[in-house]
C-alpha atoms as a PDB file:
ATOM      1  CA  MET A   1     -15.340  -2.315 -26.118  1.00  0.00           C
ATOM      2  CA  LEU A   2     -15.017  -1.499 -22.618  1.00  0.00           C
ATOM      3  CA  TYR A   3     -13.176   1.623 -21.323  1.00  0.00           C
ATOM      4  CA  PHE A   4     -11.269   1.653 -18.194  1.00  0.00           C
ATOM      5  CA  THR A   5     -10.181   4.970 -16.256  1.00  0.00           C
ATOM      6  CA  GLU A   6      -7.165   5.094 -13.900  1.00  0.00           C
ATOM      7  CA  ASP A   7      -9.644   4.584 -11.051  1.00  0.00           C
ATOM      8  CA  ASP A   8     -10.668   1.480 -12.856  1.00  0.00           C
ATOM      9  CA  VAL A   9      -7.171  -0.087 -13.284  1.00  0.00           C
ATOM     10  CA  ARG A  10      -5.921   0.917  -9.696  1.00  0.00           C
ATOM     11  CA  ARG A  11      -8.814  -0.853  -8.426  1.00  0.00           C
ATOM     12  CA  LEU A  12      -8.932  -4.072 -10.246  1.00  0.00           C
ATOM     13  CA  LEU A  13      -5.148  -4.549 -10.469  1.00  0.00           C
ATOM     14  CA  PRO A  14      -3.836  -5.319  -7.178  1.00  0.00           C
ATOM     15  CA  MET A  15      -0.041  -5.349  -6.699  1.00  0.00           C
ATOM     16  CA  THR A  16       0.120  -8.767  -5.114  1.00  0.00           C
ATOM     17  CA  VAL A  17      -1.512 -10.335  -7.909  1.00  0.00           C
ATOM     18  CA  CYS A  18       0.370  -8.438 -10.688  1.00  0.00           C
ATOM     19  CA  VAL A  19       3.636  -9.760  -9.204  1.00  0.00           C
ATOM     20  CA  GLY A  20       1.949 -13.490  -9.820  1.00  0.00           C
ATOM     21  CA  LEU A  21       0.811 -12.164 -13.257  1.00  0.00           C
ATOM     22  CA  MET A  22       4.325 -11.216 -14.089  1.00  0.00           C
ATOM     23  CA  ARG A  23       5.950 -14.319 -13.009  1.00  0.00           C
ATOM     24  CA  ASP A  24       3.344 -16.408 -15.541  1.00  0.00           C
ATOM     25  CA  THR A  25       4.075 -13.718 -17.992  1.00  0.00           C
ATOM     26  CA  PHE A  26       7.754 -14.455 -18.122  1.00  0.00           C
ATOM     27  CA  LEU A  27       7.227 -18.165 -17.899  1.00  0.00           C
ATOM     28  CA  ALA A  28       5.409 -17.921 -20.944  1.00  0.00           C
ATOM     29  CA  LEU A  29       8.203 -15.864 -22.605  1.00  0.00           C
ATOM     30  CA  ARG A  30      10.426 -18.986 -21.716  1.00  0.00           C
ATOM     31  CA  ALA A  31       7.857 -21.408 -23.091  1.00  0.00           C
ATOM     32  CA  GLY A  32       7.551 -19.584 -26.544  1.00  0.00           C
ATOM     33  CA  THR A  33       3.668 -18.771 -26.025  1.00  0.00           C
ATOM     34  CA  ALA A  34       4.236 -14.916 -25.246  1.00  0.00           C
ATOM     35  CA  GLN A  35       6.205 -12.553 -27.320  1.00  0.00           C
ATOM     36  CA  SER A  36       7.088  -8.796 -26.745  1.00  0.00           C
ATOM     37  CA  GLN A  37       8.026  -6.124 -29.450  1.00  0.00           C
ATOM     38  CA  PRO A  38      10.579  -3.424 -28.177  1.00  0.00           C
ATOM     39  CA  ARG A  39       9.218   0.041 -27.753  1.00  0.00           C
ATOM     40  CA  ARG A  40       9.625   2.493 -30.678  1.00  0.00           C
ATOM     41  CA  ARG A  41       9.695   6.234 -30.603  1.00  0.00           C
ATOM     42  CA  LEU A  42       8.733   9.090 -32.953  1.00  0.00           C
ATOM     43  CA  VAL A  43      10.144  12.453 -32.143  1.00  0.00           C
ATOM     44  CA  THR A  44       8.471  15.628 -33.406  1.00  0.00           C
ATOM     45  CA  PRO A  45       9.824  18.896 -34.036  1.00  0.00           C
ATOM     46  CA  GLN A  46       8.011  20.378 -31.494  1.00  0.00           C
ATOM     47  CA  GLY A  47       9.577  18.235 -28.774  1.00  0.00           C
ATOM     48  CA  SER A  48       6.897  15.725 -28.186  1.00  0.00           C
ATOM     49  CA  VAL A  49       7.253  11.620 -28.617  1.00  0.00           C
ATOM     50  CA  LEU A  50       5.467   8.995 -29.366  1.00  0.00           C
ATOM     51  CA  HIS A  51       5.814   5.904 -27.750  1.00  0.00           C
ATOM     52  CA  ALA A  52       4.451   2.407 -28.689  1.00  0.00           C
ATOM     53  CA  MET A  53       5.239  -1.049 -27.215  1.00  0.00           C
ATOM     54  CA  ALA A  54       3.453  -4.044 -28.365  1.00  0.00           C
ATOM     55  CA  GLY A  55       3.053  -7.693 -27.044  1.00  0.00           C
ATOM     56  CA  SER A  56       0.637 -10.970 -26.957  1.00  0.00           C
ATOM     57  CA  THR A  57       0.226 -13.748 -24.238  1.00  0.00           C
ATOM     58  CA  GLY A  58      -2.396 -16.077 -23.928  1.00  0.00           C
ATOM     59  CA  ASN A  59      -5.637 -15.169 -25.808  1.00  0.00           C
ATOM     60  CA  TYR A  60      -4.838 -11.397 -25.929  1.00  0.00           C
ATOM     61  CA  PHE A  61      -2.548  -9.248 -27.653  1.00  0.00           C
ATOM     62  CA  GLY A  62      -1.789  -5.499 -27.603  1.00  0.00           C
ATOM     63  CA  THR A  63       0.028  -2.100 -27.608  1.00  0.00           C
ATOM     64  CA  LYS A  64       0.365   0.524 -25.322  1.00  0.00           C
ATOM     65  CA  ILE A  65       0.844   4.066 -26.825  1.00  0.00           C
ATOM     66  CA  TYR A  66       1.974   7.228 -25.232  1.00  0.00           C
ATOM     67  CA  GLY A  67       3.105  10.681 -25.687  1.00  0.00           C
ATOM     68  CA  THR A  68       5.379  12.827 -23.849  1.00  0.00           C
ATOM     69  CA  HIS A  69       6.688  16.090 -23.629  1.00  0.00           C
ATOM     70  CA  VAL A  70       9.232  17.080 -21.336  1.00  0.00           C
ATOM     71  CA  LYS A  71       7.424  20.359 -20.299  1.00  0.00           C
ATOM     72  CA  HIS A  72       4.088  19.153 -20.623  1.00  0.00           C
ATOM     73  CA  GLY A  73       4.011  15.729 -18.902  1.00  0.00           C
ATOM     74  CA  ALA A  74       2.915  11.943 -20.294  1.00  0.00           C
ATOM     75  CA  HIS A  75      -0.412  10.745 -21.417  1.00  0.00           C
ATOM     76  CA  PHE A  76      -0.705   6.743 -21.396  1.00  0.00           C
ATOM     77  CA  PHE A  77      -3.233   4.563 -23.221  1.00  0.00           C
ATOM     78  CA  PHE A  78      -3.683   0.917 -23.711  1.00  0.00           C
ATOM     79  CA  HIS A  79      -5.618  -1.144 -26.642  1.00  0.00           C
ATOM     80  CA  LEU A  80      -6.477  -4.761 -25.627  1.00  0.00           C
ATOM     81  CA  PHE A  81      -7.482  -7.305 -28.673  1.00  0.00           C
ATOM     82  CA  ASP A  82      -8.559 -10.834 -28.681  1.00  0.00           C
ATOM     83  CA  ALA A  83      -5.858 -12.982 -30.072  1.00  0.00           C
ATOM     84  CA  ASN A  84      -8.167 -15.392 -31.890  1.00  0.00           C
ATOM     85  CA  THR A  85     -10.605 -12.806 -33.698  1.00  0.00           C
ATOM     86  CA  ALA A  86      -8.544  -9.455 -33.703  1.00  0.00           C
ATOM     87  CA  LYS A  87     -11.551  -8.024 -31.835  1.00  0.00           C
ATOM     88  CA  PRO A  88     -11.033  -5.176 -29.856  1.00  0.00           C
ATOM     89  CA  LEU A  89     -12.025  -5.593 -26.145  1.00  0.00           C
ATOM     90  CA  ALA A  90     -10.596  -2.739 -24.059  1.00  0.00           C
ATOM     91  CA  LEU A  91      -9.148   0.744 -24.417  1.00  0.00           C
ATOM     92  CA  MET A  92      -7.306   1.729 -21.028  1.00  0.00           C
ATOM     93  CA  GLU A  93      -5.909   4.700 -19.307  1.00  0.00           C
ATOM     94  CA  ALA A  94      -2.530   3.257 -18.611  1.00  0.00           C
ATOM     95  CA  ASN A  95      -0.399   5.404 -16.212  1.00  0.00           C
ATOM     96  CA  TRP A  96      -1.342   3.224 -13.356  1.00  0.00           C
ATOM     97  CA  LEU A  97      -1.292   0.187 -15.502  1.00  0.00           C
ATOM     98  CA  GLY A  98       2.761   0.732 -16.089  1.00  0.00           C
ATOM     99  CA  GLN A  99       3.493   1.784 -12.686  1.00  0.00           C
ATOM    100  CA  ILE A 100       1.846  -1.125 -10.959  1.00  0.00           C
ATOM    101  CA  ARG A 101       3.257  -3.767 -14.040  1.00  0.00           C
ATOM    102  CA  THR A 102       6.965  -2.018 -13.578  1.00  0.00           C
ATOM    103  CA  GLY A 103       6.897  -2.622 -10.007  1.00  0.00           C
ATOM    104  CA  ALA A 104       5.608  -6.133 -10.080  1.00  0.00           C
ATOM    105  CA  ALA A 105       8.336  -7.188 -12.603  1.00  0.00           C
ATOM    106  CA  SER A 106      10.846  -6.208 -10.164  1.00  0.00           C
ATOM    107  CA  GLY A 107       8.794  -7.841  -7.496  1.00  0.00           C
ATOM    108  CA  TYR A 108       9.101 -11.055  -9.347  1.00  0.00           C
ATOM    109  CA  ALA A 109      12.754 -10.354  -9.929  1.00  0.00           C
ATOM    110  CA  THR A 110      13.559  -9.698  -6.332  1.00  0.00           C
ATOM    111  CA  ASP A 111      11.632 -12.732  -5.208  1.00  0.00           C
ATOM    112  CA  LEU A 112      14.282 -14.719  -7.441  1.00  0.00           C
ATOM    113  CA  LEU A 113      17.443 -12.822  -7.018  1.00  0.00           C
ATOM    114  CA  ALA A 114      17.328 -11.196  -3.398  1.00  0.00           C
ATOM    115  CA  LYS A 115      18.358 -13.040  -0.466  1.00  0.00           C
ATOM    116  CA  PRO A 116      15.542 -14.969   1.465  1.00  0.00           C
ATOM    117  CA  GLY A 117      13.801 -14.157   4.671  1.00  0.00           C
ATOM    118  CA  GLU A 118      13.879 -10.262   5.952  1.00  0.00           C
ATOM    119  CA  VAL A 119      15.631  -7.773   3.885  1.00  0.00           C
ATOM    120  CA  SER A 120      16.637  -4.076   4.463  1.00  0.00           C
ATOM    121  CA  VAL A 121      15.595  -2.065   1.658  1.00  0.00           C
ATOM    122  CA  GLY A 122      17.357   1.167   0.320  1.00  0.00           C
ATOM    123  CA  ILE A 123      15.823   3.404  -2.296  1.00  0.00           C
ATOM    124  CA  ILE A 124      16.860   6.042  -4.248  1.00  0.00           C
ATOM    125  CA  GLY A 125      14.264   8.255  -5.832  1.00  0.00           C
ATOM    126  CA  SER A 126      11.039   9.599  -4.234  1.00  0.00           C
ATOM    127  CA  GLY A 127       8.473   9.278  -7.040  1.00  0.00           C
ATOM    128  CA  PHE A 128       5.272   7.384  -7.934  1.00  0.00           C
ATOM    129  CA  GLN A 129       7.725   4.569  -9.398  1.00  0.00           C
ATOM    130  CA  ALA A 130       9.547   4.239  -6.359  1.00  0.00           C
ATOM    131  CA  ARG A 131       6.448   3.836  -4.422  1.00  0.00           C
ATOM    132  CA  SER A 132       5.292   0.873  -6.728  1.00  0.00           C
ATOM    133  CA  GLN A 133       8.547  -0.404  -6.469  1.00  0.00           C
ATOM    134  CA  LEU A 134       8.550  -0.468  -2.648  1.00  0.00           C
ATOM    135  CA  GLU A 135       5.082  -2.085  -2.780  1.00  0.00           C
ATOM    136  CA  ALA A 136       6.060  -4.853  -5.208  1.00  0.00           C
ATOM    137  CA  THR A 137       9.706  -5.583  -2.968  1.00  0.00           C
ATOM    138  CA  LEU A 138       7.082  -5.962   0.131  1.00  0.00           C
ATOM    139  CA  ALA A 139       4.846  -8.297  -1.487  1.00  0.00           C
ATOM    140  CA  VAL A 140       7.730 -10.736  -1.837  1.00  0.00           C
ATOM    141  CA  ARG A 141       9.915  -9.860   1.162  1.00  0.00           C
ATOM    142  CA  LYS A 142       9.224  -8.931   4.561  1.00  0.00           C
ATOM    143  CA  ALA A 143      11.415  -5.730   5.453  1.00  0.00           C
ATOM    144  CA  LYS A 144      13.363  -5.189   8.680  1.00  0.00           C
ATOM    145  CA  SER A 145      13.999  -1.527   7.408  1.00  0.00           C
ATOM    146  CA  VAL A 146      13.530   0.848   4.662  1.00  0.00           C
ATOM    147  CA  ARG A 147      15.278   3.980   3.810  1.00  0.00           C
ATOM    148  CA  VAL A 148      14.673   6.539   1.064  1.00  0.00           C
ATOM    149  CA  TYR A 149      16.752   9.498  -0.261  1.00  0.00           C
ATOM    150  CA  SER A 150      16.039  11.694  -3.027  1.00  0.00           C
ATOM    151  CA  ARG A 151      17.633  15.349  -3.833  1.00  0.00           C
ATOM    152  CA  SER A 152      14.385  16.913  -2.311  1.00  0.00           C
ATOM    153  CA  ALA A 153      14.292  16.679   1.325  1.00  0.00           C
ATOM    154  CA  GLU A 154      10.745  17.808   1.382  1.00  0.00           C
ATOM    155  CA  LYS A 155       9.768  14.841  -1.401  1.00  0.00           C
ATOM    156  CA  ARG A 156      11.937  12.381   0.648  1.00  0.00           C
ATOM    157  CA  GLU A 157      10.347  13.081   3.504  1.00  0.00           C
ATOM    158  CA  ARG A 158       6.397  13.223   2.330  1.00  0.00           C
ATOM    159  CA  PHE A 159       7.448   9.636   0.911  1.00  0.00           C
ATOM    160  CA  ALA A 160       8.772   8.226   4.105  1.00  0.00           C
ATOM    161  CA  ALA A 161       5.383   9.436   5.850  1.00  0.00           C
ATOM    162  CA  GLU A 162       3.178   8.319   3.161  1.00  0.00           C
ATOM    163  CA  THR A 163       4.557   4.910   2.470  1.00  0.00           C
ATOM    164  CA  SER A 164       5.085   4.199   6.390  1.00  0.00           C
ATOM    165  CA  SER A 165       1.573   4.880   6.648  1.00  0.00           C
ATOM    166  CA  ALA A 166       0.131   3.087   3.215  1.00  0.00           C
ATOM    167  CA  PHE A 167       1.975  -0.166   3.374  1.00  0.00           C
ATOM    168  CA  GLY A 168       2.650  -0.564   7.482  1.00  0.00           C
ATOM    169  CA  VAL A 169       6.281  -0.479   7.627  1.00  0.00           C
ATOM    170  CA  GLU A 170       8.662   2.277   8.863  1.00  0.00           C
ATOM    171  CA  VAL A 171      10.192   4.148   5.994  1.00  0.00           C
ATOM    172  CA  ARG A 172      13.215   6.433   7.062  1.00  0.00           C
ATOM    173  CA  ALA A 173      14.158   9.377   4.574  1.00  0.00           C
ATOM    174  CA  VAL A 174      17.927   9.868   5.173  1.00  0.00           C
ATOM    175  CA  ALA A 175      20.423  12.817   4.013  1.00  0.00           C
ATOM    176  CA  SER A 176      22.333  10.836   1.379  1.00  0.00           C
ATOM    177  CA  ALA A 177      22.231   8.177  -1.328  1.00  0.00           C
ATOM    178  CA  GLU A 178      25.266   6.271   0.839  1.00  0.00           C
ATOM    179  CA  GLU A 179      23.122   6.246   3.690  1.00  0.00           C
ATOM    180  CA  ALA A 180      20.032   4.815   1.881  1.00  0.00           C
ATOM    181  CA  VAL A 181      21.947   1.667   0.200  1.00  0.00           C
ATOM    182  CA  SER A 182      24.871   1.091   2.369  1.00  0.00           C
ATOM    183  CA  GLU A 183      24.419  -2.488   4.197  1.00  0.00           C
ATOM    184  CA  ALA A 184      20.911  -2.839   2.048  1.00  0.00           C
ATOM    185  CA  ASP A 185      19.912  -6.209   1.134  1.00  0.00           C
ATOM    186  CA  VAL A 186      17.609  -4.830  -1.594  1.00  0.00           C
ATOM    187  CA  VAL A 187      18.601  -1.479  -3.700  1.00  0.00           C
ATOM    188  CA  VAL A 188      16.065   0.131  -5.789  1.00  0.00           C
ATOM    189  CA  THR A 189      17.051   3.188  -8.110  1.00  0.00           C
ATOM    190  CA  ALA A 190      13.943   5.035  -9.541  1.00  0.00           C
ATOM    191  CA  THR A 191      15.126   8.230 -10.707  1.00  0.00           C
ATOM    192  CA  TRP A 192      15.534  10.351 -13.822  1.00  0.00           C
ATOM    193  CA  SER A 193      19.076  10.862 -13.562  1.00  0.00           C
ATOM    194  CA  LYS A 194      21.237  11.095 -16.591  1.00  0.00           C
ATOM    195  CA  ASP A 195      24.642  10.170 -14.395  1.00  0.00           C
ATOM    196  CA  PRO A 196      24.926   7.469 -11.688  1.00  0.00           C
ATOM    197  CA  VAL A 197      23.092   8.173  -8.561  1.00  0.00           C
ATOM    198  CA  LEU A 198      25.127   5.823  -6.295  1.00  0.00           C
ATOM    199  CA  GLU A 199      29.082   4.519  -6.053  1.00  0.00           C
ATOM    200  CA  ALA A 200      29.884   0.833  -6.592  1.00  0.00           C
ATOM    201  CA  GLY A 201      31.963   1.235  -3.154  1.00  0.00           C
ATOM    202  CA  TRP A 202      28.402   1.668  -1.321  1.00  0.00           C
ATOM    203  CA  VAL A 203      27.069  -1.838  -2.167  1.00  0.00           C
ATOM    204  CA  GLY A 204      27.648  -4.691  -0.277  1.00  0.00           C
ATOM    205  CA  ASP A 205      28.629  -8.080  -1.793  1.00  0.00           C
ATOM    206  CA  GLN A 206      25.171  -9.884  -1.613  1.00  0.00           C
ATOM    207  CA  THR A 207      23.222  -7.039  -2.552  1.00  0.00           C
ATOM    208  CA  HIS A 208      20.242  -7.122  -5.016  1.00  0.00           C
ATOM    209  CA  ILE A 209      19.746  -4.057  -7.105  1.00  0.00           C
ATOM    210  CA  ASN A 210      16.594  -3.111  -9.221  1.00  0.00           C
ATOM    211  CA  ALA A 211      17.805  -0.411 -11.484  1.00  0.00           C
ATOM    212  CA  MET A 212      14.474   0.903 -13.407  1.00  0.00           C
ATOM    213  CA  GLY A 213      14.861   4.772 -13.567  1.00  0.00           C
ATOM    214  CA  SER A 214      16.228   4.597 -16.907  1.00  0.00           C
ATOM    215  CA  ASN A 215      15.111   3.551 -20.518  1.00  0.00           C
ATOM    216  CA  GLN A 216      17.259   5.534 -22.876  1.00  0.00           C
ATOM    217  CA  ALA A 217      20.515   4.610 -24.435  1.00  0.00           C
ATOM    218  CA  ASP A 218      22.345   7.741 -22.998  1.00  0.00           C
ATOM    219  CA  ARG A 219      20.881   7.925 -19.345  1.00  0.00           C
ATOM    220  CA  ARG A 220      21.882   5.578 -16.666  1.00  0.00           C
ATOM    221  CA  GLU A 221      21.645   5.200 -12.793  1.00  0.00           C
ATOM    222  CA  LEU A 222      24.412   2.658 -12.103  1.00  0.00           C
ATOM    223  CA  PRO A 223      28.268   3.265 -12.587  1.00  0.00           C
ATOM    224  CA  LYS A 224      30.471   0.970 -14.795  1.00  0.00           C
ATOM    225  CA  GLU A 225      32.311  -0.287 -11.766  1.00  0.00           C
ATOM    226  CA  LEU A 226      29.087  -1.687 -10.226  1.00  0.00           C
ATOM    227  CA  VAL A 227      28.036  -3.276 -13.391  1.00  0.00           C
ATOM    228  CA  ASP A 228      31.339  -4.894 -13.549  1.00  0.00           C
ATOM    229  CA  ARG A 229      31.127  -6.316  -9.852  1.00  0.00           C
ATOM    230  CA  ALA A 230      27.958  -7.871 -10.356  1.00  0.00           C
ATOM    231  CA  SER A 231      27.834 -11.653 -10.790  1.00  0.00           C
ATOM    232  CA  LEU A 232      24.687 -11.786 -12.611  1.00  0.00           C
ATOM    233  CA  ILE A 233      22.832  -9.196 -14.396  1.00  0.00           C
ATOM    234  CA  VAL A 234      19.284  -9.714 -15.601  1.00  0.00           C
ATOM    235  CA  ALA A 235      17.323  -7.840 -18.234  1.00  0.00           C
ATOM    236  CA  ASP A 236      13.549  -8.138 -18.685  1.00  0.00           C
ATOM    237  CA  SER A 237      14.578  -8.223 -22.386  1.00  0.00           C
ATOM    238  CA  ILE A 238      18.536  -8.131 -23.605  1.00  0.00           C
ATOM    239  CA  GLU A 239      16.898  -7.345 -27.053  1.00  0.00           C
ATOM    240  CA  GLN A 240      15.396  -4.142 -25.865  1.00  0.00           C
ATOM    241  CA  ALA A 241      18.358  -3.463 -23.289  1.00  0.00           C
ATOM    242  CA  LYS A 242      20.545  -3.240 -26.370  1.00  0.00           C
ATOM    243  CA  ILE A 243      18.239  -0.367 -27.680  1.00  0.00           C
ATOM    244  CA  GLU A 244      17.478   1.505 -24.714  1.00  0.00           C
ATOM    245  CA  SER A 245      19.318   0.372 -21.408  1.00  0.00           C
ATOM    246  CA  GLY A 246      22.052   2.951 -20.860  1.00  0.00           C
ATOM    247  CA  ASP A 247      23.000   1.154 -17.483  1.00  0.00           C
ATOM    248  CA  LEU A 248      24.459  -1.452 -19.862  1.00  0.00           C
ATOM    249  CA  ILE A 249      25.059   0.399 -23.045  1.00  0.00           C
ATOM    250  CA  LEU A 250      27.114   3.011 -21.261  1.00  0.00           C
ATOM    251  CA  ALA A 251      29.330   0.694 -19.167  1.00  0.00           C
ATOM    252  CA  TRP A 252      29.953  -2.100 -21.981  1.00  0.00           C
ATOM    253  CA  SER A 253      31.962  -2.906 -25.181  1.00  0.00           C
ATOM    254  CA  PRO A 254      29.909  -4.982 -28.053  1.00  0.00           C
ATOM    255  CA  GLY A 255      31.232  -8.344 -26.795  1.00  0.00           C
ATOM    256  CA  ASP A 256      30.209  -8.018 -23.171  1.00  0.00           C
ATOM    257  CA  TRP A 257      26.651  -8.543 -24.409  1.00  0.00           C
ATOM    258  CA  ASN A 258      27.459 -12.179 -24.667  1.00  0.00           C
ATOM    259  CA  HIS A 259      28.769 -12.487 -21.456  1.00  0.00           C
ATOM    260  CA  PRO A 260      27.228 -15.550 -19.702  1.00  0.00           C
ATOM    261  CA  ARG A 261      26.550 -13.379 -16.554  1.00  0.00           C
ATOM    262  CA  LEU A 262      23.930 -11.682 -18.690  1.00  0.00           C
ATOM    263  CA  ARG A 263      20.340 -13.458 -18.975  1.00  0.00           C
ATOM    264  CA  ASN A 264      16.913 -12.676 -19.696  1.00  0.00           C
ATOM    265  CA  LEU A 265      14.567 -12.826 -16.805  1.00  0.00           C
ATOM    266  CA  GLN A 266      12.474 -15.482 -18.308  1.00  0.00           C
ATOM    267  CA  ASP A 267      15.550 -17.662 -18.088  1.00  0.00           C
ATOM    268  CA  VAL A 268      16.541 -17.296 -14.360  1.00  0.00           C
ATOM    269  CA  VAL A 269      16.461 -20.753 -12.686  1.00  0.00           C
ATOM    270  CA  GLY A 270      17.768 -22.330  -9.684  1.00  0.00           C
ATOM    271  CA  PRO A 271      19.117 -20.708  -6.403  1.00  0.00           C
ATOM    272  CA  ARG A 272      20.116 -17.258  -5.704  1.00  0.00           C
ATOM    273  CA  PRO A 273      23.974 -17.062  -7.114  1.00  0.00           C
ATOM    274  CA  ALA A 274      26.526 -15.634  -4.806  1.00  0.00           C
ATOM    275  CA  GLY A 275      27.591 -11.834  -5.239  1.00  0.00           C
ATOM    276  CA  ILE A 276      25.932  -8.868  -6.386  1.00  0.00           C
ATOM    277  CA  THR A 277      22.883  -9.293  -8.855  1.00  0.00           C
ATOM    278  CA  ILE A 278      21.461  -6.481 -10.811  1.00  0.00           C
ATOM    279  CA  PHE A 279      17.702  -6.506 -12.338  1.00  0.00           C
ATOM    280  CA  LYS A 280      17.844  -3.900 -15.343  1.00  0.00           C
ATOM    281  CA  SER A 281      14.133  -2.991 -15.942  1.00  0.00           C
ATOM    282  CA  ASN A 282      13.164  -0.967 -18.971  1.00  0.00           C
ATOM    283  CA  GLY A 283       9.287  -2.575 -19.135  1.00  0.00           C
ATOM    284  CA  LEU A 284       7.812  -4.881 -21.774  1.00  0.00           C
ATOM    285  CA  GLY A 285       4.924  -4.284 -23.922  1.00  0.00           C
ATOM    286  CA  VAL A 286       3.877  -8.114 -23.101  1.00  0.00           C
ATOM    287  CA  GLU A 287       3.854  -7.070 -19.294  1.00  0.00           C
ATOM    288  CA  ASP A 288       1.258  -4.298 -20.293  1.00  0.00           C
ATOM    289  CA  VAL A 289      -0.838  -7.265 -22.047  1.00  0.00           C
ATOM    290  CA  ALA A 290      -0.567  -9.660 -19.161  1.00  0.00           C
ATOM    291  CA  ALA A 291      -1.884  -6.778 -16.660  1.00  0.00           C
ATOM    292  CA  ALA A 292      -4.860  -5.288 -19.030  1.00  0.00           C
ATOM    293  CA  ALA A 293      -5.907  -8.926 -19.679  1.00  0.00           C
ATOM    294  CA  TYR A 294      -6.341  -9.327 -16.038  1.00  0.00           C
ATOM    295  CA  VAL A 295      -8.324  -5.944 -15.472  1.00  0.00           C
ATOM    296  CA  TYR A 296     -10.682  -6.885 -18.466  1.00  0.00           C
ATOM    297  CA  GLU A 297     -11.554 -10.337 -17.131  1.00  0.00           C
ATOM    298  CA  GLN A 298     -12.039  -8.677 -13.630  1.00  0.00           C
ATOM    299  CA  ALA A 299     -14.423  -6.290 -14.736  1.00  0.00           C
ATOM    300  CA  LEU A 300     -16.493  -9.023 -17.079  1.00  0.00           C
ATOM    301  CA  LYS A 301     -16.713 -10.780 -13.555  1.00  0.00           C
ATOM    302  CA  GLU A 302     -18.299  -7.775 -12.111  1.00  0.00           C
ATOM    303  CA  LYS A 303     -20.446  -7.136 -15.334  1.00  0.00           C
ATOM    304  CA  PRO A 304     -19.049  -4.615 -17.876  1.00  0.00           C
ATOM    305  CA  VAL A 305     -17.662  -1.647 -16.534  1.00  0.00           C
ATOM    306  CA  ILE A 306     -18.413   0.872 -18.999  1.00  0.00           C
ATOM    307  CA  PRO A 307     -20.265  -0.528 -21.976  1.00  0.00           C
ATOM    308  CA  GLY A 308     -21.364   0.509 -25.148  1.00  0.00           C
ATOM    309  CA  GLN A 309     -22.552   4.094 -25.446  1.00  0.00           C
ATOM    310  CA  GLN A 310     -21.261   5.149 -21.989  1.00  0.00           C
ATOM    311  CA  ALA A 311     -18.135   4.095 -23.313  1.00  0.00           C
ATOM    312  CA  ALA A 312     -18.132   6.239 -26.233  1.00  0.00           C
ATOM    313  CA  ASP A 313     -19.481   9.276 -24.075  1.00  0.00           C
ATOM    314  CA  ARG A 314     -16.584   9.189 -21.926  1.00  0.00           C
ATOM    315  CA  TYR A 315     -13.818   8.926 -24.417  1.00  0.00           C
ATOM    316  CA  ARG A 316     -15.426  12.016 -25.930  1.00  0.00           C
ATOM    317  CA  ALA A 317     -15.329  14.116 -23.022  1.00  0.00           C
ATOM    318  CA  MET A 318     -11.675  13.519 -22.569  1.00  0.00           C
ATOM    319  CA  ARG A 319     -10.992  15.208 -26.015  1.00  0.00           C
END
């Protein structure tokens, strides 16, 4: 069994490749050759939470397990197995794995749902997820402008400087969320906000929105009025959205879940519809499997990264 560090994963999993992997994964879900199990959470009396999400695609299956505590951070690991034999293949540190595949899923949705050609991008949030969301958007569209807003002026200025340098595009920090999203063709919300971070009236009639910050039933980034304006709402998994997508749960009554304007990402085909489109990203276990399998296969091509005793030694050193 191989052991992969965060640096290994980041080196072996380029964003541009991962966008293609997500496309293949959702096509496999449509074909019935992949499956995903919704996230499960166990909450301890001490306030720690154990999260688990599993999936399978092709010759692989696996699960991501991570522990979080609001005061002490998060710790991510992914376990990859051979679907033909159930043999364990790899254990990966999985913070970067999750960041890259989350961005890549939004990149795939953007490619399907955003207008073609050059786009203006507006981002609310300036953390690590916002960075990977921007990188994925740039993998599928050329940006004529990028604006970012977050509550901390220092953080948004730093985000603008770092991403401008990293991605070769001018990213401008702005003083309000309205300024960030006004006239944007693609809007990204990547925050930990409990309440909406923008207003429906700020968003243009043909805008595509990637809402990825909330995956809890009592938190949302989008107001009900914006959800109601959308001509098409796409979830990575409607089944999972019913459990943890506060953006939709808090906006809808039970009957709204049967509306034809709501679709799974795997079922989106054809030309982009007119009007506002929303991709509600919660993150799926099968996305982790596809990304981890690629990392594993690339490592085998290079020669095993940390085989045998070295893997065991590194694992013990972490404890």
